[in-house]
PDB file of N, CA and C in Angstrom:
ATOM      1  N   MET A   1     105.961  85.322 110.973  1.00  0.00           N
ATOM      2  CA  MET A   1     106.007  86.757 111.178  1.00  0.00           C
ATOM      3  C   MET A   1     107.199  87.094 112.079  1.00  0.00           C
ATOM      4  N   ALA A   2     107.884  88.170 111.715  1.00  0.00           N
ATOM      5  CA  ALA A   2     109.057  88.576 112.480  1.00  0.00           C
ATOM      6  C   ALA A   2     108.634  89.181 113.812  1.00  0.00           C
ATOM      7  N   ARG A   3     109.427  88.932 114.803  1.00  0.00           N
ATOM      8  CA  ARG A   3     109.146  89.468 116.130  1.00  0.00           C
ATOM      9  C   ARG A   3     109.801  90.841 116.287  1.00  0.00           C
ATOM     10  N   ILE A   4     109.137  91.743 116.951  1.00  0.00           N
ATOM     11  CA  ILE A   4     109.668  93.083 117.200  1.00  0.00           C
ATOM     12  C   ILE A   4     110.265  93.111 118.598  1.00  0.00           C
ATOM     13  N   TYR A   5     111.527  93.479 118.677  1.00  0.00           N
ATOM     14  CA  TYR A   5     112.218  93.553 119.951  1.00  0.00           C
ATOM     15  C   TYR A   5     112.383  95.009 120.378  1.00  0.00           C
ATOM     16  N   HIS A   6     111.861  95.344 121.528  1.00  0.00           N
ATOM     17  CA  HIS A   6     112.031  96.675 122.097  1.00  0.00           C
ATOM     18  C   HIS A   6     113.246  96.651 123.018  1.00  0.00           C
ATOM     19  N   VAL A   7     114.083  97.668 122.886  1.00  0.00           N
ATOM     20  CA  VAL A   7     115.361  97.695 123.580  1.00  0.00           C
ATOM     21  C   VAL A   7     115.348  98.769 124.668  1.00  0.00           C
ATOM     22  N   PRO A   8     115.529  98.370 125.933  1.00  0.00           N
ATOM     23  CA  PRO A   8     115.632  99.392 126.969  1.00  0.00           C
ATOM     24  C   PRO A   8     116.939 100.170 126.806  1.00  0.00           C
ATOM     25  N   VAL A   9     116.803 101.482 126.695  1.00  0.00           N
ATOM     26  CA  VAL A   9     117.968 102.343 126.485  1.00  0.00           C
ATOM     27  C   VAL A   9     118.002 103.380 127.602  1.00  0.00           C
ATOM     28  N   ASN A  10     119.160 103.586 128.152  1.00  0.00           N
ATOM     29  CA  ASN A  10     119.344 104.587 129.201  1.00  0.00           C
ATOM     30  C   ASN A  10     118.978 105.965 128.659  1.00  0.00           C
ATOM     31  N   LYS A  11     118.211 106.740 129.419  1.00  0.00           N
ATOM     32  CA  LYS A  11     117.771 108.052 128.943  1.00  0.00           C
ATOM     33  C   LYS A  11     118.937 108.993 128.688  1.00  0.00           C
ATOM     34  N   ASP A  12     120.070 108.800 129.362  1.00  0.00           N
ATOM     35  CA  ASP A  12     121.250 109.624 129.109  1.00  0.00           C
ATOM     36  C   ASP A  12     121.809 109.372 127.709  1.00  0.00           C
ATOM     37  N   VAL A  13     121.717 108.151 127.246  1.00  0.00           N
ATOM     38  CA  VAL A  13     122.182 107.809 125.898  1.00  0.00           C
ATOM     39  C   VAL A  13     121.265 108.455 124.863  1.00  0.00           C
ATOM     40  N   ILE A  14     119.970 108.421 125.105  1.00  0.00           N
ATOM     41  CA  ILE A  14     119.027 109.054 124.190  1.00  0.00           C
ATOM     42  C   ILE A  14     119.263 110.560 124.157  1.00  0.00           C
ATOM     43  N   GLN A  15     119.458 111.169 125.316  1.00  0.00           N
ATOM     44  CA  GLN A  15     119.712 112.610 125.373  1.00  0.00           C
ATOM     45  C   GLN A  15     120.999 112.960 124.652  1.00  0.00           C
ATOM     46  N   TRP A  16     122.034 112.156 124.817  1.00  0.00           N
ATOM     47  CA  TRP A  16     123.293 112.392 124.120  1.00  0.00           C
ATOM     48  C   TRP A  16     123.074 112.361 122.608  1.00  0.00           C
ATOM     49  N   SER A  17     122.317 111.373 122.136  1.00  0.00           N
ATOM     50  CA  SER A  17     122.081 111.262 120.691  1.00  0.00           C
ATOM     51  C   SER A  17     121.289 112.457 120.170  1.00  0.00           C
ATOM     52  N   LEU A  18     120.362 112.975 120.970  1.00  0.00           N
ATOM     53  CA  LEU A  18     119.612 114.165 120.562  1.00  0.00           C
ATOM     54  C   LEU A  18     120.517 115.391 120.497  1.00  0.00           C
ATOM     55  N   ASP A  19     121.424 115.495 121.454  1.00  0.00           N
ATOM     56  CA  ASP A  19     122.345 116.636 121.507  1.00  0.00           C
ATOM     57  C   ASP A  19     123.378 116.612 120.380  1.00  0.00           C
ATOM     58  N   HIS A  20     123.764 115.422 119.922  1.00  0.00           N
ATOM     59  CA  HIS A  20     124.851 115.293 118.960  1.00  0.00           C
ATOM     60  C   HIS A  20     124.414 114.775 117.588  1.00  0.00           C
ATOM     61  N   GLY A  21     123.139 114.512 117.403  1.00  0.00           N
ATOM     62  CA  GLY A  21     122.661 113.963 116.132  1.00  0.00           C
ATOM     63  C   GLY A  21     122.533 115.009 115.043  1.00  0.00           C
ATOM     64  N   GLU A  22     122.591 114.551 113.795  1.00  0.00           N
ATOM     65  CA  GLU A  22     122.507 115.447 112.648  1.00  0.00           C
ATOM     66  C   GLU A  22     121.076 115.639 112.164  1.00  0.00           C
ATOM     67  N   TYR A  23     120.204 114.675 112.424  1.00  0.00           N
ATOM     68  CA  TYR A  23     118.870 114.684 111.832  1.00  0.00           C
ATOM     69  C   TYR A  23     117.775 114.846 112.879  1.00  0.00           C
ATOM     70  N   LEU A  24     117.977 115.709 113.836  1.00  0.00           N
ATOM     71  CA  LEU A  24     117.043 115.863 114.943  1.00  0.00           C
ATOM     72  C   LEU A  24     115.651 116.285 114.480  1.00  0.00           C
ATOM     73  N   ASN A  25     115.556 117.247 113.594  1.00  0.00           N
ATOM     74  CA  ASN A  25     114.247 117.737 113.167  1.00  0.00           C
ATOM     75  C   ASN A  25     113.429 116.653 112.483  1.00  0.00           C
ATOM     76  N   SER A  26     114.029 115.916 111.572  1.00  0.00           N
ATOM     77  CA  SER A  26     113.282 114.868 110.868  1.00  0.00           C
ATOM     78  C   SER A  26     112.990 113.696 111.797  1.00  0.00           C
ATOM     79  N   ALA A  27     113.906 113.381 112.700  1.00  0.00           N
ATOM     80  CA  ALA A  27     113.686 112.272 113.632  1.00  0.00           C
ATOM     81  C   ALA A  27     112.621 112.626 114.660  1.00  0.00           C
ATOM     82  N   ALA A  28     112.572 113.872 115.092  1.00  0.00           N
ATOM     83  CA  ALA A  28     111.587 114.294 116.091  1.00  0.00           C
ATOM     84  C   ALA A  28     110.170 114.193 115.540  1.00  0.00           C
ATOM     85  N   LYS A  29     110.013 114.370 114.244  1.00  0.00           N
ATOM     86  CA  LYS A  29     108.698 114.229 113.624  1.00  0.00           C
ATOM     87  C   LYS A  29     108.279 112.760 113.538  1.00  0.00           C
ATOM     88  N   LYS A  30     109.252 111.883 113.422  1.00  0.00           N
ATOM     89  CA  LYS A  30     108.971 110.464 113.201  1.00  0.00           C
ATOM     90  C   LYS A  30     108.847 109.659 114.498  1.00  0.00           C
ATOM     91  N   TYR A  31     109.622 110.011 115.528  1.00  0.00           N
ATOM     92  CA  TYR A  31     109.674 109.219 116.758  1.00  0.00           C
ATOM     93  C   TYR A  31     109.274 110.035 117.974  1.00  0.00           C
ATOM     94  N   ASN A  32     108.741 109.365 118.966  1.00  0.00           N
ATOM     95  CA  ASN A  32     108.329 110.016 120.204  1.00  0.00           C
ATOM     96  C   ASN A  32     109.444 109.823 121.247  1.00  0.00           C
ATOM     97  N   PHE A  33     110.389 110.749 121.277  1.00  0.00           N
ATOM     98  CA  PHE A  33     111.538 110.627 122.165  1.00  0.00           C
ATOM     99  C   PHE A  33     111.148 110.710 123.638  1.00  0.00           C
ATOM    100  N   ASP A  34     110.085 111.436 123.934  1.00  0.00           N
ATOM    101  CA  ASP A  34     109.634 111.537 125.321  1.00  0.00           C
ATOM    102  C   ASP A  34     109.241 110.163 125.866  1.00  0.00           C
ATOM    103  N   LYS A  35     108.595 109.358 125.039  1.00  0.00           N
ATOM    104  CA  LYS A  35     108.229 107.991 125.458  1.00  0.00           C
ATOM    105  C   LYS A  35     109.483 107.152 125.704  1.00  0.00           C
ATOM    106  N   TRP A  36     110.474 107.330 124.858  1.00  0.00           N
ATOM    107  CA  TRP A  36     111.705 106.562 125.006  1.00  0.00           C
ATOM    108  C   TRP A  36     112.439 106.931 126.288  1.00  0.00           C
ATOM    109  N   MET A  37     112.404 108.205 126.648  1.00  0.00           N
ATOM    110  CA  MET A  37     113.136 108.659 127.827  1.00  0.00           C
ATOM    111  C   MET A  37     112.388 108.382 129.127  1.00  0.00           C
ATOM    112  N   HIS A  38     111.065 108.277 129.054  1.00  0.00           N
ATOM    113  CA  HIS A  38     110.238 108.037 130.242  1.00  0.00           C
ATOM    114  C   HIS A  38     109.217 106.933 129.949  1.00  0.00           C
ATOM    115  N   PRO A  39     109.700 105.713 129.700  1.00  0.00           N
ATOM    116  CA  PRO A  39     108.774 104.636 129.327  1.00  0.00           C
ATOM    117  C   PRO A  39     107.899 104.201 130.503  1.00  0.00           C
ATOM    118  N   LYS A  40     106.668 103.887 130.189  1.00  0.00           N
ATOM    119  CA  LYS A  40     105.736 103.379 131.196  1.00  0.00           C
ATOM    120  C   LYS A  40     105.482 101.886 131.007  1.00  0.00           C
ATOM    121  N   LYS A  41     105.779 101.397 129.805  1.00  0.00           N
ATOM    122  CA  LYS A  41     105.618  99.974 129.511  1.00  0.00           C
ATOM    123  C   LYS A  41     106.695  99.550 128.514  1.00  0.00           C
ATOM    124  N   ARG A  42     106.874  98.271 128.368  1.00  0.00           N
ATOM    125  CA  ARG A  42     107.947  97.718 127.529  1.00  0.00           C
ATOM    126  C   ARG A  42     107.865  98.218 126.081  1.00  0.00           C
ATOM    127  N   SER A  43     106.654  98.360 125.566  1.00  0.00           N
ATOM    128  CA  SER A  43     106.500  98.781 124.167  1.00  0.00           C
ATOM    129  C   SER A  43     106.832 100.257 123.941  1.00  0.00           C
ATOM    130  N   ASP A  44     107.080 101.007 124.999  1.00  0.00           N
ATOM    131  CA  ASP A  44     107.478 102.414 124.859  1.00  0.00           C
ATOM    132  C   ASP A  44     108.951 102.560 124.485  1.00  0.00           C
ATOM    133  N   TYR A  45     109.738 101.515 124.668  1.00  0.00           N
ATOM    134  CA  TYR A  45     111.153 101.560 124.305  1.00  0.00           C
ATOM    135  C   TYR A  45     111.302 101.503 122.785  1.00  0.00           C
ATOM    136  N   PRO A  46     112.407 102.020 122.234  1.00  0.00           N
ATOM    137  CA  PRO A  46     112.631 101.936 120.794  1.00  0.00           C
ATOM    138  C   PRO A  46     112.930 100.497 120.369  1.00  0.00           C
ATOM    139  N   THR A  47     112.720 100.220 119.101  1.00  0.00           N
ATOM    140  CA  THR A  47     113.060  98.906 118.557  1.00  0.00           C
ATOM    141  C   THR A  47     114.491  98.940 118.033  1.00  0.00           C
ATOM    142  N   PHE A  48     115.037  97.765 117.695  1.00  0.00           N
ATOM    143  CA  PHE A  48     116.380  97.720 117.108  1.00  0.00           C
ATOM    144  C   PHE A  48     116.416  98.554 115.832  1.00  0.00           C
ATOM    145  N   LYS A  49     115.386  98.472 115.028  1.00  0.00           N
ATOM    146  CA  LYS A  49     115.337  99.191 113.764  1.00  0.00           C
ATOM    147  C   LYS A  49     115.355 100.705 113.996  1.00  0.00           C
ATOM    148  N   GLN A  50     114.664 101.165 115.019  1.00  0.00           N
ATOM    149  CA  GLN A  50     114.617 102.594 115.311  1.00  0.00           C
ATOM    150  C   GLN A  50     115.960 103.118 115.824  1.00  0.00           C
ATOM    151  N   LEU A  51     116.720 102.262 116.477  1.00  0.00           N
ATOM    152  CA  LEU A  51     118.020 102.697 116.975  1.00  0.00           C
ATOM    153  C   LEU A  51     118.998 102.804 115.828  1.00  0.00           C
TER     154      LEU A  51
END
């Protein structure tokens, strides 16, 4: 079974991507950006695939 790697990402980078991304509406429905920006545990970070 493949291992899932969660990647710690600086919240400024996530905010930049939200400000400059083309698919914000569809991505906001699919991903919980608030968790990514304010993680409480390792699994709250996005995976490589999500990035």
